[in-house]
């Protein structure tokens, strides 16, 4: 049976509600993406960040990446997130860390970024591009706000969507960054069509396997301590083992994984 494709409004509403809740933090920890801060630092190195660069963190969550970049790379960071709850928590974290003058957060949609043209030296987007319903529009926005010569770095779920099992489709799978994930070459093509030039691509599938193991290990804690809240957000504890098993098998078969891409905005159109 084919699962009905959710509308863009359903996807955005569910993603904002879920990623603005404590449930994601309970399942994933501080970094809401495979590879955690280790992969984020690798991405930052590929972006060749320098002090005082202005960086945009798209789908910034609760600010973990933005705060790390400001502290370790001495850059100025704007974070944008669809969830107003995440924005408030991220700004509170920046205030508590004493970097409020260096890091600021705004509620906004990646497909309509609330920033002028050509203002950022670098843009990062971790484990979120695959959830954007209109990926070409989001890519065009990343390119629009980037200065000529600036770089964009993505880390994201990659998949062969036509071959994913039924357990990895539907609205819940969209929120879990699986249902609309694409092959890494397709992400690269979307960025290229937006006027960006691909500089680096790579797979980090081991990070996906570790995250699946982490979620499996924490499900029992969530069941005991926050079952009602989790179920209100759509968590089905009876189906979760089958979904995780399907995800693990898809990674082993090369149908699901995690990718990294870096592109730049050429000084002149090609």
C-alpha atoms as a PDB file:
ATOM      1  CA  UNK A   1       0.000   0.000   0.000  1.00  0.00           C
ATOM      2  CA  UNK A   2       1.336   3.436  -0.928  1.00  0.00           C
ATOM      3  CA  UNK A   3       1.463   5.999   1.881  1.00  0.00           C
ATOM      4  CA  UNK A   4      -0.099   9.364   0.990  1.00  0.00           C
ATOM      5  CA  UNK A   5       2.478  12.099   0.602  1.00  0.00           C
ATOM      6  CA  UNK A   6       2.005  14.744   3.318  1.00  0.00           C
ATOM      7  CA  UNK A   7       1.451  18.343   2.282  1.00  0.00           C
ATOM      8  CA  UNK A   8       4.275  20.897   2.739  1.00  0.00           C
ATOM      9  CA  UNK A   9       2.225  22.542   5.488  1.00  0.00           C
ATOM     10  CA  UNK A  10       1.890  19.234   7.346  1.00  0.00           C
ATOM     11  CA  UNK A  11       5.608  18.589   7.089  1.00  0.00           C
ATOM     12  CA  UNK A  12       6.594  22.035   8.336  1.00  0.00           C
ATOM     13  CA  UNK A  13       4.075  22.024  11.175  1.00  0.00           C
ATOM     14  CA  UNK A  14       5.071  18.546  12.368  1.00  0.00           C
ATOM     15  CA  UNK A  15       8.811  19.251  12.075  1.00  0.00           C
ATOM     16  CA  UNK A  16       8.472  22.499  14.040  1.00  0.00           C
ATOM     17  CA  UNK A  17       6.435  20.808  16.776  1.00  0.00           C
ATOM     18  CA  UNK A  18       8.725  17.790  17.047  1.00  0.00           C
ATOM     19  CA  UNK A  19      12.088  19.552  16.876  1.00  0.00           C
ATOM     20  CA  UNK A  20      10.874  22.215  19.270  1.00  0.00           C
ATOM     21  CA  UNK A  21      10.038  19.567  21.877  1.00  0.00           C
ATOM     22  CA  UNK A  22      12.200  17.864  24.475  1.00  0.00           C
ATOM     23  CA  UNK A  23      11.612  14.505  22.786  1.00  0.00           C
ATOM     24  CA  UNK A  24      14.277  15.008  20.133  1.00  0.00           C
ATOM     25  CA  UNK A  25      16.828  16.050  22.745  1.00  0.00           C
ATOM     26  CA  UNK A  26      16.015  12.942  24.767  1.00  0.00           C
ATOM     27  CA  UNK A  27      16.528  10.690  21.741  1.00  0.00           C
ATOM     28  CA  UNK A  28      19.445  12.441  20.052  1.00  0.00           C
ATOM     29  CA  UNK A  29      21.265  14.452  22.724  1.00  0.00           C
ATOM     30  CA  UNK A  30      22.579  17.972  22.110  1.00  0.00           C
ATOM     31  CA  UNK A  31      23.481  17.488  18.438  1.00  0.00           C
ATOM     32  CA  UNK A  32      20.408  16.676  16.379  1.00  0.00           C
ATOM     33  CA  UNK A  33      22.320  15.001  13.553  1.00  0.00           C
ATOM     34  CA  UNK A  34      24.501  11.959  12.843  1.00  0.00           C
ATOM     35  CA  UNK A  35      28.170  12.509  13.509  1.00  0.00           C
ATOM     36  CA  UNK A  36      27.561  15.119  16.188  1.00  0.00           C
ATOM     37  CA  UNK A  37      30.090  17.867  16.745  1.00  0.00           C
ATOM     38  CA  UNK A  38      32.913  15.767  15.292  1.00  0.00           C
ATOM     39  CA  UNK A  39      31.326  15.884  11.848  1.00  0.00           C
ATOM     40  CA  UNK A  40      30.375  19.543  12.349  1.00  0.00           C
ATOM     41  CA  UNK A  41      34.022  20.405  12.995  1.00  0.00           C
ATOM     42  CA  UNK A  42      35.016  18.490   9.883  1.00  0.00           C
ATOM     43  CA  UNK A  43      32.469  20.494   7.906  1.00  0.00           C
ATOM     44  CA  UNK A  44      33.720  23.754   9.397  1.00  0.00           C
ATOM     45  CA  UNK A  45      37.266  22.867   8.340  1.00  0.00           C
ATOM     46  CA  UNK A  46      36.122  22.291   4.762  1.00  0.00           C
ATOM     47  CA  UNK A  47      34.417  25.691   4.819  1.00  0.00           C
ATOM     48  CA  UNK A  48      37.766  27.309   5.763  1.00  0.00           C
ATOM     49  CA  UNK A  49      36.164  29.619   8.308  1.00  0.00           C
ATOM     50  CA  UNK A  50      38.215  32.601   9.464  1.00  0.00           C
ATOM     51  CA  UNK A  51      37.679  34.931  12.461  1.00  0.00           C
ATOM     52  CA  UNK A  52      34.893  37.478  12.022  1.00  0.00           C
ATOM     53  CA  UNK A  53      33.326  35.620   9.095  1.00  0.00           C
ATOM     54  CA  UNK A  54      29.553  35.922   9.165  1.00  0.00           C
ATOM     55  CA  UNK A  55      27.963  32.460   9.129  1.00  0.00           C
ATOM     56  CA  UNK A  56      24.335  31.418   8.767  1.00  0.00           C
ATOM     57  CA  UNK A  57      23.171  28.202  10.460  1.00  0.00           C
ATOM     58  CA  UNK A  58      19.953  27.088   8.729  1.00  0.00           C
ATOM     59  CA  UNK A  59      17.632  24.926  10.857  1.00  0.00           C
ATOM     60  CA  UNK A  60      19.814  25.796  13.831  1.00  0.00           C
ATOM     61  CA  UNK A  61      17.787  23.834  16.387  1.00  0.00           C
ATOM     62  CA  UNK A  62      18.728  24.807  19.919  1.00  0.00           C
ATOM     63  CA  UNK A  63      21.966  26.444  18.865  1.00  0.00           C
ATOM     64  CA  UNK A  64      24.590  23.790  19.560  1.00  0.00           C
ATOM     65  CA  UNK A  65      26.396  24.233  16.237  1.00  0.00           C
ATOM     66  CA  UNK A  66      26.110  28.026  16.234  1.00  0.00           C
ATOM     67  CA  UNK A  67      27.593  28.317  19.720  1.00  0.00           C
ATOM     68  CA  UNK A  68      30.427  25.923  18.882  1.00  0.00           C
ATOM     69  CA  UNK A  69      31.316  27.830  15.703  1.00  0.00           C
ATOM     70  CA  UNK A  70      31.326  31.149  17.553  1.00  0.00           C
ATOM     71  CA  UNK A  71      33.462  29.801  20.394  1.00  0.00           C
ATOM     72  CA  UNK A  72      35.974  27.716  18.428  1.00  0.00           C
ATOM     73  CA  UNK A  73      36.229  29.668  15.161  1.00  0.00           C
ATOM     74  CA  UNK A  74      35.565  33.247  16.391  1.00  0.00           C
ATOM     75  CA  UNK A  75      32.916  33.793  13.722  1.00  0.00           C
ATOM     76  CA  UNK A  76      29.672  35.731  13.948  1.00  0.00           C
ATOM     77  CA  UNK A  77      26.676  33.432  13.589  1.00  0.00           C
ATOM     78  CA  UNK A  78      23.044  33.957  12.703  1.00  0.00           C
ATOM     79  CA  UNK A  79      20.836  30.956  13.359  1.00  0.00           C
ATOM     80  CA  UNK A  80      17.412  30.529  11.786  1.00  0.00           C
ATOM     81  CA  UNK A  81      14.901  27.866  12.750  1.00  0.00           C
ATOM     82  CA  UNK A  82      11.256  27.176  11.985  1.00  0.00           C
ATOM     83  CA  UNK A  83      10.489  26.488  15.661  1.00  0.00           C
ATOM     84  CA  UNK A  84       9.984  29.572  17.829  1.00  0.00           C
ATOM     85  CA  UNK A  85      10.632  27.363  20.865  1.00  0.00           C
ATOM     86  CA  UNK A  86      14.050  26.384  19.527  1.00  0.00           C
ATOM     87  CA  UNK A  87      14.871  30.023  18.756  1.00  0.00           C
ATOM     88  CA  UNK A  88      14.049  31.111  22.314  1.00  0.00           C
ATOM     89  CA  UNK A  89      16.057  28.265  23.834  1.00  0.00           C
ATOM     90  CA  UNK A  90      19.008  28.881  21.511  1.00  0.00           C
ATOM     91  CA  UNK A  91      19.065  32.593  22.300  1.00  0.00           C
ATOM     92  CA  UNK A  92      18.923  31.793  25.993  1.00  0.00           C
ATOM     93  CA  UNK A  93      21.906  29.464  25.560  1.00  0.00           C
ATOM     94  CA  UNK A  94      23.825  32.228  23.757  1.00  0.00           C
ATOM     95  CA  UNK A  95      23.026  34.675  26.548  1.00  0.00           C
ATOM     96  CA  UNK A  96      24.126  32.177  29.194  1.00  0.00           C
ATOM     97  CA  UNK A  97      27.366  31.528  27.295  1.00  0.00           C
ATOM     98  CA  UNK A  98      28.118  35.241  27.110  1.00  0.00           C
ATOM     99  CA  UNK A  99      28.132  35.340  23.290  1.00  0.00           C
ATOM    100  CA  UNK A 100      24.843  37.139  22.640  1.00  0.00           C
ATOM    101  CA  UNK A 101      26.722  39.903  20.800  1.00  0.00           C
ATOM    102  CA  UNK A 102      28.271  37.284  18.512  1.00  0.00           C
ATOM    103  CA  UNK A 103      25.363  34.878  17.989  1.00  0.00           C
ATOM    104  CA  UNK A 104      21.711  35.658  17.316  1.00  0.00           C
ATOM    105  CA  UNK A 105      18.728  33.532  16.395  1.00  0.00           C
ATOM    106  CA  UNK A 106      15.621  34.255  14.331  1.00  0.00           C
ATOM    107  CA  UNK A 107      12.458  32.295  13.573  1.00  0.00           C
ATOM    108  CA  UNK A 108      12.136  31.725   9.849  1.00  0.00           C
ATOM    109  CA  UNK A 109      11.550  29.351   6.946  1.00  0.00           C
ATOM    110  CA  UNK A 110      14.514  28.036   4.956  1.00  0.00           C
ATOM    111  CA  UNK A 111      12.506  28.486   1.769  1.00  0.00           C
ATOM    112  CA  UNK A 112      12.086  32.220   2.541  1.00  0.00           C
ATOM    113  CA  UNK A 113      15.133  33.228   4.568  1.00  0.00           C
ATOM    114  CA  UNK A 114      14.667  36.523   6.450  1.00  0.00           C
ATOM    115  CA  UNK A 115      18.018  38.015   5.346  1.00  0.00           C
ATOM    116  CA  UNK A 116      19.200  40.343   2.583  1.00  0.00           C
ATOM    117  CA  UNK A 117      21.152  39.179  -0.456  1.00  0.00           C
ATOM    118  CA  UNK A 118      24.863  38.336  -0.247  1.00  0.00           C
ATOM    119  CA  UNK A 119      25.482  38.945   3.462  1.00  0.00           C
ATOM    120  CA  UNK A 120      27.067  35.661   4.638  1.00  0.00           C
ATOM    121  CA  UNK A 121      30.572  34.300   4.147  1.00  0.00           C
ATOM    122  CA  UNK A 122      29.370  30.751   4.832  1.00  0.00           C
ATOM    123  CA  UNK A 123      26.128  28.850   5.304  1.00  0.00           C
ATOM    124  CA  UNK A 124      25.726  25.541   7.138  1.00  0.00           C
ATOM    125  CA  UNK A 125      22.690  23.271   7.155  1.00  0.00           C
ATOM    126  CA  UNK A 126      22.864  19.993   9.054  1.00  0.00           C
ATOM    127  CA  UNK A 127      20.362  17.144   8.706  1.00  0.00           C
ATOM    128  CA  UNK A 128      17.528  19.433   7.626  1.00  0.00           C
ATOM    129  CA  UNK A 129      17.691  20.031   3.859  1.00  0.00           C
ATOM    130  CA  UNK A 130      16.057  16.642   3.259  1.00  0.00           C
ATOM    131  CA  UNK A 131      12.972  17.763   5.231  1.00  0.00           C
ATOM    132  CA  UNK A 132      12.425  20.945   3.211  1.00  0.00           C
ATOM    133  CA  UNK A 133       9.387  20.342   0.980  1.00  0.00           C
ATOM    134  CA  UNK A 134      10.666  22.678  -1.779  1.00  0.00           C
ATOM    135  CA  UNK A 135      14.369  21.847  -1.969  1.00  0.00           C
ATOM    136  CA  UNK A 136      15.132  23.947  -5.092  1.00  0.00           C
ATOM    137  CA  UNK A 137      13.604  26.995  -3.391  1.00  0.00           C
ATOM    138  CA  UNK A 138      15.678  26.374  -0.263  1.00  0.00           C
ATOM    139  CA  UNK A 139      18.863  25.921  -2.330  1.00  0.00           C
ATOM    140  CA  UNK A 140      18.146  29.173  -4.163  1.00  0.00           C
ATOM    141  CA  UNK A 141      17.799  30.907  -0.805  1.00  0.00           C
ATOM    142  CA  UNK A 142      21.120  29.506   0.438  1.00  0.00           C
ATOM    143  CA  UNK A 143      22.779  30.831  -2.715  1.00  0.00           C
ATOM    144  CA  UNK A 144      21.008  34.185  -2.510  1.00  0.00           C
ATOM    145  CA  UNK A 145      22.221  35.079   0.992  1.00  0.00           C
ATOM    146  CA  UNK A 146      25.795  33.895   0.287  1.00  0.00           C
ATOM    147  CA  UNK A 147      28.437  36.397  -0.780  1.00  0.00           C
ATOM    148  CA  UNK A 148      30.306  35.723  -4.042  1.00  0.00           C
ATOM    149  CA  UNK A 149      33.173  33.419  -3.108  1.00  0.00           C
ATOM    150  CA  UNK A 150      31.355  32.222   0.009  1.00  0.00           C
ATOM    151  CA  UNK A 151      30.717  28.564   0.783  1.00  0.00           C
ATOM    152  CA  UNK A 152      27.766  26.443   1.803  1.00  0.00           C
ATOM    153  CA  UNK A 153      28.126  23.172   3.693  1.00  0.00           C
ATOM    154  CA  UNK A 154      25.441  20.527   4.049  1.00  0.00           C
ATOM    155  CA  UNK A 155      25.376  17.302   5.992  1.00  0.00           C
ATOM    156  CA  UNK A 156      22.264  15.262   5.440  1.00  0.00           C
ATOM    157  CA  UNK A 157      20.539  11.934   5.154  1.00  0.00           C
ATOM    158  CA  UNK A 158      21.053  10.387   1.715  1.00  0.00           C
ATOM    159  CA  UNK A 159      18.815   7.666   0.327  1.00  0.00           C
ATOM    160  CA  UNK A 160      17.558   5.774  -2.683  1.00  0.00           C
ATOM    161  CA  UNK A 161      13.922   6.788  -2.135  1.00  0.00           C
ATOM    162  CA  UNK A 162      12.428   4.435  -4.719  1.00  0.00           C
ATOM    163  CA  UNK A 163      13.851   1.427  -2.879  1.00  0.00           C
ATOM    164  CA  UNK A 164      13.195   2.385   0.753  1.00  0.00           C
ATOM    165  CA  UNK A 165      10.911  -0.024   2.653  1.00  0.00           C
ATOM    166  CA  UNK A 166       7.405   1.045   3.630  1.00  0.00           C
ATOM    167  CA  UNK A 167       8.426   1.553   7.263  1.00  0.00           C
ATOM    168  CA  UNK A 168      10.540   4.512   6.149  1.00  0.00           C
ATOM    169  CA  UNK A 169       7.792   6.488   4.396  1.00  0.00           C
ATOM    170  CA  UNK A 170       5.005   8.779   5.571  1.00  0.00           C
ATOM    171  CA  UNK A 171       4.921  11.873   7.770  1.00  0.00           C
ATOM    172  CA  UNK A 172       6.848  10.344  10.667  1.00  0.00           C
ATOM    173  CA  UNK A 173       9.644   9.416   8.293  1.00  0.00           C
ATOM    174  CA  UNK A 174       9.724  12.979   6.955  1.00  0.00           C
ATOM    175  CA  UNK A 175      10.266  14.248  10.499  1.00  0.00           C
ATOM    176  CA  UNK A 176      12.922  11.545  10.972  1.00  0.00           C
ATOM    177  CA  UNK A 177      14.755  12.929   7.903  1.00  0.00           C
ATOM    178  CA  UNK A 178      14.259   9.792   5.822  1.00  0.00           C
ATOM    179  CA  UNK A 179      11.132   9.913   3.646  1.00  0.00           C
ATOM    180  CA  UNK A 180      12.284  12.680   1.273  1.00  0.00           C
ATOM    181  CA  UNK A 181      16.030  12.129   1.502  1.00  0.00           C
ATOM    182  CA  UNK A 182      17.730  11.972  -1.911  1.00  0.00           C
ATOM    183  CA  UNK A 183      20.907  10.465  -3.363  1.00  0.00           C
ATOM    184  CA  UNK A 184      23.930  12.648  -2.792  1.00  0.00           C
ATOM    185  CA  UNK A 185      24.224  13.325  -6.526  1.00  0.00           C
ATOM    186  CA  UNK A 186      20.689  14.712  -6.542  1.00  0.00           C
ATOM    187  CA  UNK A 187      21.498  17.094  -3.685  1.00  0.00           C
ATOM    188  CA  UNK A 188      24.554  18.198  -5.668  1.00  0.00           C
ATOM    189  CA  UNK A 189      22.391  18.787  -8.756  1.00  0.00           C
ATOM    190  CA  UNK A 190      19.919  20.879  -6.755  1.00  0.00           C
ATOM    191  CA  UNK A 191      22.746  23.057  -5.425  1.00  0.00           C
ATOM    192  CA  UNK A 192      24.266  23.355  -8.897  1.00  0.00           C
ATOM    193  CA  UNK A 193      20.922  24.428 -10.372  1.00  0.00           C
ATOM    194  CA  UNK A 194      20.824  27.169  -7.722  1.00  0.00           C
ATOM    195  CA  UNK A 195      24.069  28.599  -9.112  1.00  0.00           C
ATOM    196  CA  UNK A 196      26.480  26.976  -6.666  1.00  0.00           C
ATOM    197  CA  UNK A 197      29.616  25.037  -7.580  1.00  0.00           C
ATOM    198  CA  UNK A 198      30.234  21.680  -5.912  1.00  0.00           C
ATOM    199  CA  UNK A 199      33.671  21.454  -4.278  1.00  0.00           C
ATOM    200  CA  UNK A 200      33.430  18.316  -2.132  1.00  0.00           C
ATOM    201  CA  UNK A 201      31.093  15.387  -1.499  1.00  0.00           C
ATOM    202  CA  UNK A 202      31.514  12.422   0.828  1.00  0.00           C
ATOM    203  CA  UNK A 203      29.612   9.670   2.627  1.00  0.00           C
ATOM    204  CA  UNK A 204      29.628   9.175   6.405  1.00  0.00           C
ATOM    205  CA  UNK A 205      27.281   6.206   6.752  1.00  0.00           C
ATOM    206  CA  UNK A 206      28.888   4.984   9.983  1.00  0.00           C
ATOM    207  CA  UNK A 207      27.504   8.103  11.661  1.00  0.00           C
ATOM    208  CA  UNK A 208      23.998   7.045  10.623  1.00  0.00           C
ATOM    209  CA  UNK A 209      24.496   3.563  12.072  1.00  0.00           C
ATOM    210  CA  UNK A 210      25.653   5.043  15.377  1.00  0.00           C
ATOM    211  CA  UNK A 211      22.623   7.339  15.558  1.00  0.00           C
ATOM    212  CA  UNK A 212      20.221   4.441  14.945  1.00  0.00           C
ATOM    213  CA  UNK A 213      21.917   2.536  17.781  1.00  0.00           C
ATOM    214  CA  UNK A 214      21.677   5.606  20.022  1.00  0.00           C
ATOM    215  CA  UNK A 215      17.961   6.082  19.357  1.00  0.00           C
ATOM    216  CA  UNK A 216      17.309   2.396  20.012  1.00  0.00           C
ATOM    217  CA  UNK A 217      19.160   2.619  23.306  1.00  0.00           C
ATOM    218  CA  UNK A 218      17.235   5.683  24.455  1.00  0.00           C
ATOM    219  CA  UNK A 219      13.746   4.599  23.444  1.00  0.00           C
ATOM    220  CA  UNK A 220      13.263   2.677  26.658  1.00  0.00           C
ATOM    221  CA  UNK A 221      14.074   5.760  28.733  1.00  0.00           C
ATOM    222  CA  UNK A 222      11.633   7.875  26.734  1.00  0.00           C
ATOM    223  CA  UNK A 223       8.948   5.192  27.111  1.00  0.00           C
ATOM    224  CA  UNK A 224       9.349   5.245  30.896  1.00  0.00           C
ATOM    225  CA  UNK A 225       9.767   8.984  31.448  1.00  0.00           C
ATOM    226  CA  UNK A 226       7.863  10.752  28.670  1.00  0.00           C
ATOM    227  CA  UNK A 227       5.571   8.251  26.985  1.00  0.00           C
ATOM    228  CA  UNK A 228       2.482  10.472  26.866  1.00  0.00           C
ATOM    229  CA  UNK A 229       4.374  13.432  25.390  1.00  0.00           C
ATOM    230  CA  UNK A 230       6.110  11.215  22.863  1.00  0.00           C
ATOM    231  CA  UNK A 231       2.857   9.603  21.732  1.00  0.00           C
ATOM    232  CA  UNK A 232       1.222  13.034  21.452  1.00  0.00           C
ATOM    233  CA  UNK A 233       3.947  13.927  18.953  1.00  0.00           C
ATOM    234  CA  UNK A 234       3.288  10.786  16.926  1.00  0.00           C
ATOM    235  CA  UNK A 235       5.763   8.317  18.433  1.00  0.00           C
ATOM    236  CA  UNK A 236       4.497   4.756  18.031  1.00  0.00           C
ATOM    237  CA  UNK A 237       6.456   2.626  20.466  1.00  0.00           C
ATOM    238  CA  UNK A 238       5.017  -0.597  19.045  1.00  0.00           C
ATOM    239  CA  UNK A 239       6.249   0.225  15.519  1.00  0.00           C
ATOM    240  CA  UNK A 240       9.564   1.803  16.554  1.00  0.00           C
ATOM    241  CA  UNK A 241      11.582  -1.453  16.625  1.00  0.00           C
ATOM    242  CA  UNK A 242      10.465  -2.343  13.086  1.00  0.00           C
ATOM    243  CA  UNK A 243      11.278   1.162  11.838  1.00  0.00           C
ATOM    244  CA  UNK A 244      14.741   1.083  13.401  1.00  0.00           C
ATOM    245  CA  UNK A 245      15.384  -2.410  12.047  1.00  0.00           C
ATOM    246  CA  UNK A 246      14.335  -1.252   8.574  1.00  0.00           C
ATOM    247  CA  UNK A 247      16.615   1.766   8.829  1.00  0.00           C
ATOM    248  CA  UNK A 248      19.561  -0.365   9.957  1.00  0.00           C
ATOM    249  CA  UNK A 249      19.001  -2.814   7.089  1.00  0.00           C
ATOM    250  CA  UNK A 250      18.713   0.054   4.596  1.00  0.00           C
ATOM    251  CA  UNK A 251      22.069   1.438   5.746  1.00  0.00           C
ATOM    252  CA  UNK A 252      23.655  -2.006   5.420  1.00  0.00           C
ATOM    253  CA  UNK A 253      22.262  -2.324   1.888  1.00  0.00           C
ATOM    254  CA  UNK A 254      23.522   1.117   0.866  1.00  0.00           C
ATOM    255  CA  UNK A 255      19.983   2.487   0.451  1.00  0.00           C
ATOM    256  CA  UNK A 256      20.300   4.892   3.370  1.00  0.00           C
ATOM    257  CA  UNK A 257      23.260   6.815   4.728  1.00  0.00           C
ATOM    258  CA  UNK A 258      24.664  10.221   5.569  1.00  0.00           C
ATOM    259  CA  UNK A 259      26.378  12.605   3.195  1.00  0.00           C
ATOM    260  CA  UNK A 260      28.401  15.795   3.280  1.00  0.00           C
ATOM    261  CA  UNK A 261      28.562  18.399   0.527  1.00  0.00           C
ATOM    262  CA  UNK A 262      30.455  21.684   0.219  1.00  0.00           C
ATOM    263  CA  UNK A 263      29.809  24.173  -2.560  1.00  0.00           C
ATOM    264  CA  UNK A 264      30.740  27.768  -3.241  1.00  0.00           C
ATOM    265  CA  UNK A 265      29.106  30.699  -4.958  1.00  0.00           C
ATOM    266  CA  UNK A 266      31.371  31.657  -7.860  1.00  0.00           C
ATOM    267  CA  UNK A 267      32.592  35.252  -8.063  1.00  0.00           C
ATOM    268  CA  UNK A 268      31.031  35.346 -11.511  1.00  0.00           C
ATOM    269  CA  UNK A 269      28.178  33.306 -12.940  1.00  0.00           C
ATOM    270  CA  UNK A 270      29.436  30.334 -14.953  1.00  0.00           C
END
